Amino acid sequence: MSGHNKWASIKHKKMAMDARRGKMFTKIIREIMMAAKLGGGNPESNPHLRMAIERARSINMPNDNIQRAIKKGTGEEGGVALEAVGYEGYGPGGVAILVETLTDNKRRTAAEIRSIFSRHNGSLGESGCVSWMFERKGMITVKKEGTDEEKLLSLVLDAGAEDLKLDNDLFEIVCPPDKLEAVKKILEENKISVESASVNLIPKNTVRVEGKEAEQLLKLLDELEEHEDVQNVHSNFDIPDELIEAMSR
């Protein structure tokens, strides 16, 4: 899954760049609103909201924006009726793709997502056609530099993690979704800085894609992620690192 991880790393850097242009604000505001709507406006008792707020602060979103989004989610300040809708389909090379959206207009969003798939030699499928290929897992990344691998492994396993992997300059910790908060807390208590923490859909197996199909696939994924209603895009591709690096320039 080297290529897949490389793409994730590039996305993380791109998100930071987009944040400086205010491009990520809309997506994270929607995430905060939905988290508050489903689990209440208190981050202490709502882990999803707490993580959304942490993401907002990581891109320097003003606290006023965060509080307004929470109030809209709980209904204290009106707000938009958002709905979580997922789409499943296939990209070039038969790669599986899952798209998670928050939308106030399902018909419009479905038409636009379908159009993006079609433009890049992909196709939408029926609900459930690819979701079985993924597992929901908590994912935490920690910088390799200055981190003792043995100590890190011992800490995270005791807290409920399932695996620890090294990918270039980052340690990647995998855990059950319900253990994410416990693992993150033990790292913070031991002064180990967390780069990112989220619940992701991890592919059980990957599909190798190269050449023109790989280029088409990355353009498809990139356009999906640019869509205002799209919160997350998951895929089971494996693309050579050098191609991903070339296309990210």
Protein backbone atom coordinates (compact mmCIF):
# COMPACT_ATOMS: atom_id res chain seq x y z
CA MET A 1 0.00 0.00 0.00
CA SER A 2 2.99 2.29 -0.44
CA GLY A 3 1.41 4.27 -3.28
CA HIS A 4 -1.83 4.62 -1.37
CA ASN A 5 0.01 6.06 1.64
CA LYS A 6 1.99 8.43 -0.57
CA TRP A 7 -1.28 9.83 -1.94
CA ALA A 8 -2.62 10.25 1.61
CA SER A 9 0.51 12.19 2.56
CA ILE A 10 0.19 14.47 -0.47
CA LYS A 11 -3.49 15.05 0.33
CA HIS A 12 -2.54 16.09 3.87
CA LYS A 13 -0.09 18.70 2.52
CA LYS A 14 -2.63 19.87 -0.04
CA MET A 15 -5.25 20.28 2.69
CA ALA A 16 -2.87 22.60 4.54
CA MET A 17 -2.41 24.68 1.39
CA ASP A 18 -6.16 24.77 0.73
CA ALA A 19 -6.74 25.81 4.33
CA ARG A 20 -4.61 28.91 3.85
CA ARG A 21 -6.98 29.92 1.05
CA GLY A 22 -10.03 29.23 3.22
CA LYS A 23 -11.02 26.36 0.96
CA MET A 24 -11.35 23.79 3.74
CA PHE A 25 -13.56 25.94 5.95
CA THR A 26 -16.85 24.95 4.32
CA LYS A 27 -16.14 21.22 4.57
CA ILE A 28 -15.08 21.32 8.21
CA ILE A 29 -17.94 23.65 9.19
CA ARG A 30 -20.35 21.09 7.72
CA GLU A 31 -18.60 18.31 9.62
CA ILE A 32 -18.94 20.26 12.88
CA MET A 33 -22.62 20.96 12.20
CA MET A 34 -23.40 17.30 11.49
CA ALA A 35 -21.41 16.08 14.51
CA ALA A 36 -23.27 18.52 16.78
CA LYS A 37 -26.60 17.56 15.24
CA LEU A 38 -26.04 13.83 15.83
CA GLY A 39 -24.20 13.86 19.15
CA GLY A 40 -24.90 17.19 20.81
CA GLY A 41 -22.89 20.39 21.14
CA ASN A 42 -20.59 19.37 24.01
CA PRO A 43 -17.22 18.16 22.68
CA GLU A 44 -16.44 16.50 26.02
CA SER A 45 -19.20 13.95 25.46
CA ASN A 46 -19.10 13.94 21.65
CA PRO A 47 -15.81 12.49 20.29
CA HIS A 48 -16.78 13.13 16.64
CA LEU A 49 -17.38 16.80 17.41
CA ARG A 50 -14.14 16.99 19.39
CA MET A 51 -12.13 15.66 16.42
CA ALA A 52 -13.90 18.02 14.01
CA ILE A 53 -13.05 20.97 16.27
CA GLU A 54 -9.41 19.84 16.42
CA ARG A 55 -9.31 19.72 12.61
CA ALA A 56 -10.82 23.20 12.46
CA ARG A 57 -8.21 24.57 14.86
CA SER A 58 -5.40 22.88 12.91
CA ILE A 59 -6.27 25.12 9.94
CA ASN A 60 -6.64 28.20 12.15
CA MET A 61 -10.41 28.50 11.89
CA PRO A 62 -11.61 31.33 14.18
CA ASN A 63 -13.38 30.16 17.32
CA ASP A 64 -16.44 32.26 16.41
CA ASN A 65 -16.87 30.17 13.24
CA ILE A 66 -16.57 26.95 15.23
CA GLN A 67 -19.13 28.02 17.85
CA ARG A 68 -21.55 29.25 15.18
CA ALA A 69 -21.30 25.90 13.37
CA ILE A 70 -22.02 24.03 16.64
CA LYS A 71 -25.09 26.19 17.30
CA LYS A 72 -26.37 25.65 13.77
CA GLY A 73 -25.91 21.92 14.22
CA THR A 74 -27.85 21.85 17.48
CA GLY A 75 -30.56 24.12 16.06
CA GLU A 76 -29.78 27.12 18.28
CA GLU A 77 -29.06 29.32 15.25
CA GLY A 78 -31.25 27.97 12.48
CA GLY A 79 -28.88 26.19 10.10
CA VAL A 80 -28.98 24.19 6.90
CA ALA A 81 -30.61 20.75 6.76
CA LEU A 82 -27.58 18.60 5.93
CA GLU A 83 -27.80 14.89 5.15
CA ALA A 84 -25.00 12.32 5.04
CA VAL A 85 -25.07 10.45 1.71
CA GLY A 86 -22.57 7.87 0.45
CA TYR A 87 -21.78 6.91 -3.15
CA GLU A 88 -19.98 3.80 -4.36
CA GLY A 89 -18.42 3.10 -7.71
CA TYR A 90 -15.45 2.08 -9.79
CA GLY A 91 -12.57 4.05 -11.21
CA PRO A 92 -10.16 3.27 -14.07
CA GLY A 93 -8.58 -0.16 -13.70
CA GLY A 94 -11.56 -1.46 -11.71
CA VAL A 95 -10.48 0.36 -8.55
CA ALA A 96 -13.17 0.60 -5.83
CA ILE A 97 -14.16 4.10 -4.68
CA LEU A 98 -16.32 5.20 -1.74
CA VAL A 99 -17.42 8.84 -1.49
CA GLU A 100 -18.86 10.32 1.71
CA THR A 101 -20.81 13.56 1.35
CA LEU A 102 -22.79 16.04 3.44
CA THR A 103 -25.40 17.72 1.27
CA ASP A 104 -28.49 19.91 1.43
CA ASN A 105 -29.62 18.72 -2.01
CA LYS A 106 -29.25 14.97 -2.69
CA ARG A 107 -30.45 15.19 -6.30
CA ARG A 108 -27.93 17.85 -7.24
CA THR A 109 -25.05 16.15 -5.47
CA ALA A 110 -25.81 12.73 -7.02
CA ALA A 111 -25.88 14.23 -10.52
CA GLU A 112 -22.58 16.06 -9.98
CA ILE A 113 -20.80 13.04 -8.47
CA ARG A 114 -22.02 10.85 -11.34
CA SER A 115 -20.73 13.41 -13.84
CA ILE A 116 -17.27 13.47 -12.21
CA PHE A 117 -17.03 9.67 -12.38
CA SER A 118 -18.07 9.68 -16.06
CA ARG A 119 -15.57 12.39 -17.05
CA HIS A 120 -12.67 10.26 -15.81
CA ASN A 121 -13.61 6.82 -17.14
CA GLY A 122 -15.33 5.72 -13.93
CA SER A 123 -18.88 4.68 -13.08
CA LEU A 124 -21.21 4.86 -10.08
CA GLY A 125 -22.56 1.55 -8.79
CA GLU A 126 -25.32 0.35 -6.52
CA SER A 127 -25.19 0.83 -2.76
CA GLY A 128 -23.04 -1.92 -1.24
CA CYS A 129 -21.17 -2.77 -4.44
CA VAL A 130 -17.73 -1.92 -3.01
CA SER A 131 -18.21 -1.11 0.69
CA TRP A 132 -17.56 -4.75 1.63
CA MET A 133 -13.97 -4.28 0.41
CA PHE A 134 -13.19 -1.85 3.25
CA GLU A 135 -12.88 -1.90 7.05
CA ARG A 136 -13.48 1.11 9.30
CA LYS A 137 -10.37 1.77 11.40
CA GLY A 138 -8.94 4.50 13.57
CA MET A 139 -5.73 5.97 12.10
CA ILE A 140 -3.18 8.07 13.96
CA THR A 141 0.10 9.37 12.55
CA VAL A 142 3.17 10.36 14.55
CA LYS A 143 6.45 11.80 13.24
CA LYS A 144 9.30 9.28 13.16
CA GLU A 145 11.89 11.91 14.09
CA GLY A 146 12.52 11.95 17.82
CA THR A 147 10.16 9.04 18.52
CA ASP A 148 11.32 5.79 20.14
CA GLU A 149 9.65 3.01 18.15
CA GLU A 150 9.74 0.41 20.94
CA LYS A 151 8.23 2.80 23.48
CA LEU A 152 5.58 3.91 20.97
CA LEU A 153 4.64 0.32 20.16
CA SER A 154 4.31 -0.59 23.84
CA LEU A 155 2.15 2.46 24.60
CA VAL A 156 -0.28 2.08 21.72
CA LEU A 157 -0.72 -1.69 22.10
CA ASP A 158 -1.55 -1.24 25.79
CA ALA A 159 -4.14 1.39 24.78
CA GLY A 160 -5.86 -0.98 22.33
CA ALA A 161 -4.08 -0.40 19.00
CA GLU A 162 -3.84 -3.27 16.52
CA ASP A 163 -0.79 -2.32 14.47
CA LEU A 164 2.09 0.12 14.08
CA LYS A 165 3.70 0.72 10.68
CA LEU A 166 6.48 2.98 9.47
CA ASP A 167 5.79 4.86 6.24
CA ASN A 168 8.66 7.12 5.21
CA ASP A 169 8.91 9.74 8.01
CA LEU A 170 5.68 8.84 9.81
CA PHE A 171 4.54 6.09 12.16
CA GLU A 172 1.03 4.98 11.31
CA ILE A 173 -1.03 3.55 14.17
CA VAL A 174 -4.10 1.43 13.35
CA CYS A 175 -6.78 0.75 15.94
CA PRO A 176 -10.50 -0.08 16.26
CA PRO A 177 -12.60 3.11 15.87
CA ASP A 178 -13.76 2.94 19.49
CA LYS A 179 -10.13 2.91 20.71
CA LEU A 180 -9.04 6.01 18.77
CA GLU A 181 -9.60 8.41 21.65
CA ALA A 182 -7.83 6.15 24.17
CA VAL A 183 -4.76 5.73 21.93
CA LYS A 184 -4.61 9.45 21.17
CA LYS A 185 -4.90 10.29 24.87
CA ILE A 186 -2.05 7.99 25.91
CA LEU A 187 0.19 9.58 23.26
CA GLU A 188 -0.63 13.09 24.47
CA GLU A 189 -0.04 12.08 28.10
CA ASN A 190 3.44 10.86 27.09
CA LYS A 191 4.22 14.11 25.20
CA ILE A 192 4.16 12.38 21.81
CA SER A 193 2.87 14.83 19.22
CA VAL A 194 0.02 13.53 17.03
CA GLU A 195 0.15 14.64 13.39
CA SER A 196 -3.36 13.44 12.51
CA ALA A 197 -6.12 11.30 13.98
CA SER A 198 -9.27 10.14 12.19
CA VAL A 199 -11.53 7.21 11.47
CA ASN A 200 -10.95 5.96 7.92
CA LEU A 201 -12.11 3.19 5.63
CA ILE A 202 -9.10 0.97 4.98
CA PRO A 203 -9.09 -1.37 1.95
CA LYS A 204 -8.74 -5.09 2.73
CA ASN A 205 -6.83 -5.54 -0.55
CA THR A 206 -5.39 -3.14 -3.10
CA VAL A 207 -5.50 -3.00 -6.91
CA ARG A 208 -2.34 -2.09 -8.81
CA VAL A 209 -2.92 0.64 -11.41
CA GLU A 210 -0.28 2.10 -13.75
CA GLY A 211 0.12 4.23 -16.88
CA LYS A 212 -2.83 6.13 -18.34
CA GLU A 213 -5.33 4.45 -16.03
CA ALA A 214 -3.38 5.65 -12.99
CA GLU A 215 -3.38 9.21 -14.33
CA GLN A 216 -7.12 9.09 -14.98
CA LEU A 217 -7.74 7.66 -11.51
CA LEU A 218 -5.77 10.35 -9.66
CA LYS A 219 -7.59 13.06 -11.63
CA LEU A 220 -10.91 11.44 -10.70
CA LEU A 221 -10.02 11.26 -6.99
CA ASP A 222 -8.70 14.81 -7.01
CA GLU A 223 -11.88 16.22 -8.58
CA LEU A 224 -14.08 14.28 -6.18
CA GLU A 225 -12.18 15.69 -3.21
CA GLU A 226 -12.48 19.22 -4.61
CA HIS A 227 -16.29 18.99 -4.64
CA GLU A 228 -17.81 21.15 -1.92
CA ASP A 229 -20.21 18.45 -0.67
CA VAL A 230 -17.56 15.71 -0.46
CA GLN A 231 -16.14 15.06 3.00
CA ASN A 232 -14.03 11.94 2.36
CA VAL A 233 -12.96 9.74 -0.55
CA HIS A 234 -11.73 6.18 0.01
CA SER A 235 -10.17 3.88 -2.57
CA ASN A 236 -8.24 0.60 -2.80
CA PHE A 237 -5.68 1.60 -5.43
CA ASP A 238 -1.93 1.03 -5.40
CA ILE A 239 -0.07 3.39 -7.73
CA PRO A 240 3.75 3.68 -8.07
CA ASP A 241 5.16 6.43 -5.83
CA GLU A 242 7.01 8.08 -8.69
CA LEU A 243 3.80 8.57 -10.69
CA ILE A 244 1.98 10.06 -7.70
CA GLU A 245 4.92 12.41 -7.05
CA ALA A 246 4.99 13.50 -10.72
CA MET A 247 1.25 14.23 -10.81
CA SER A 248 1.30 16.18 -7.54
CA ARG A 249 3.74 18.77 -8.82
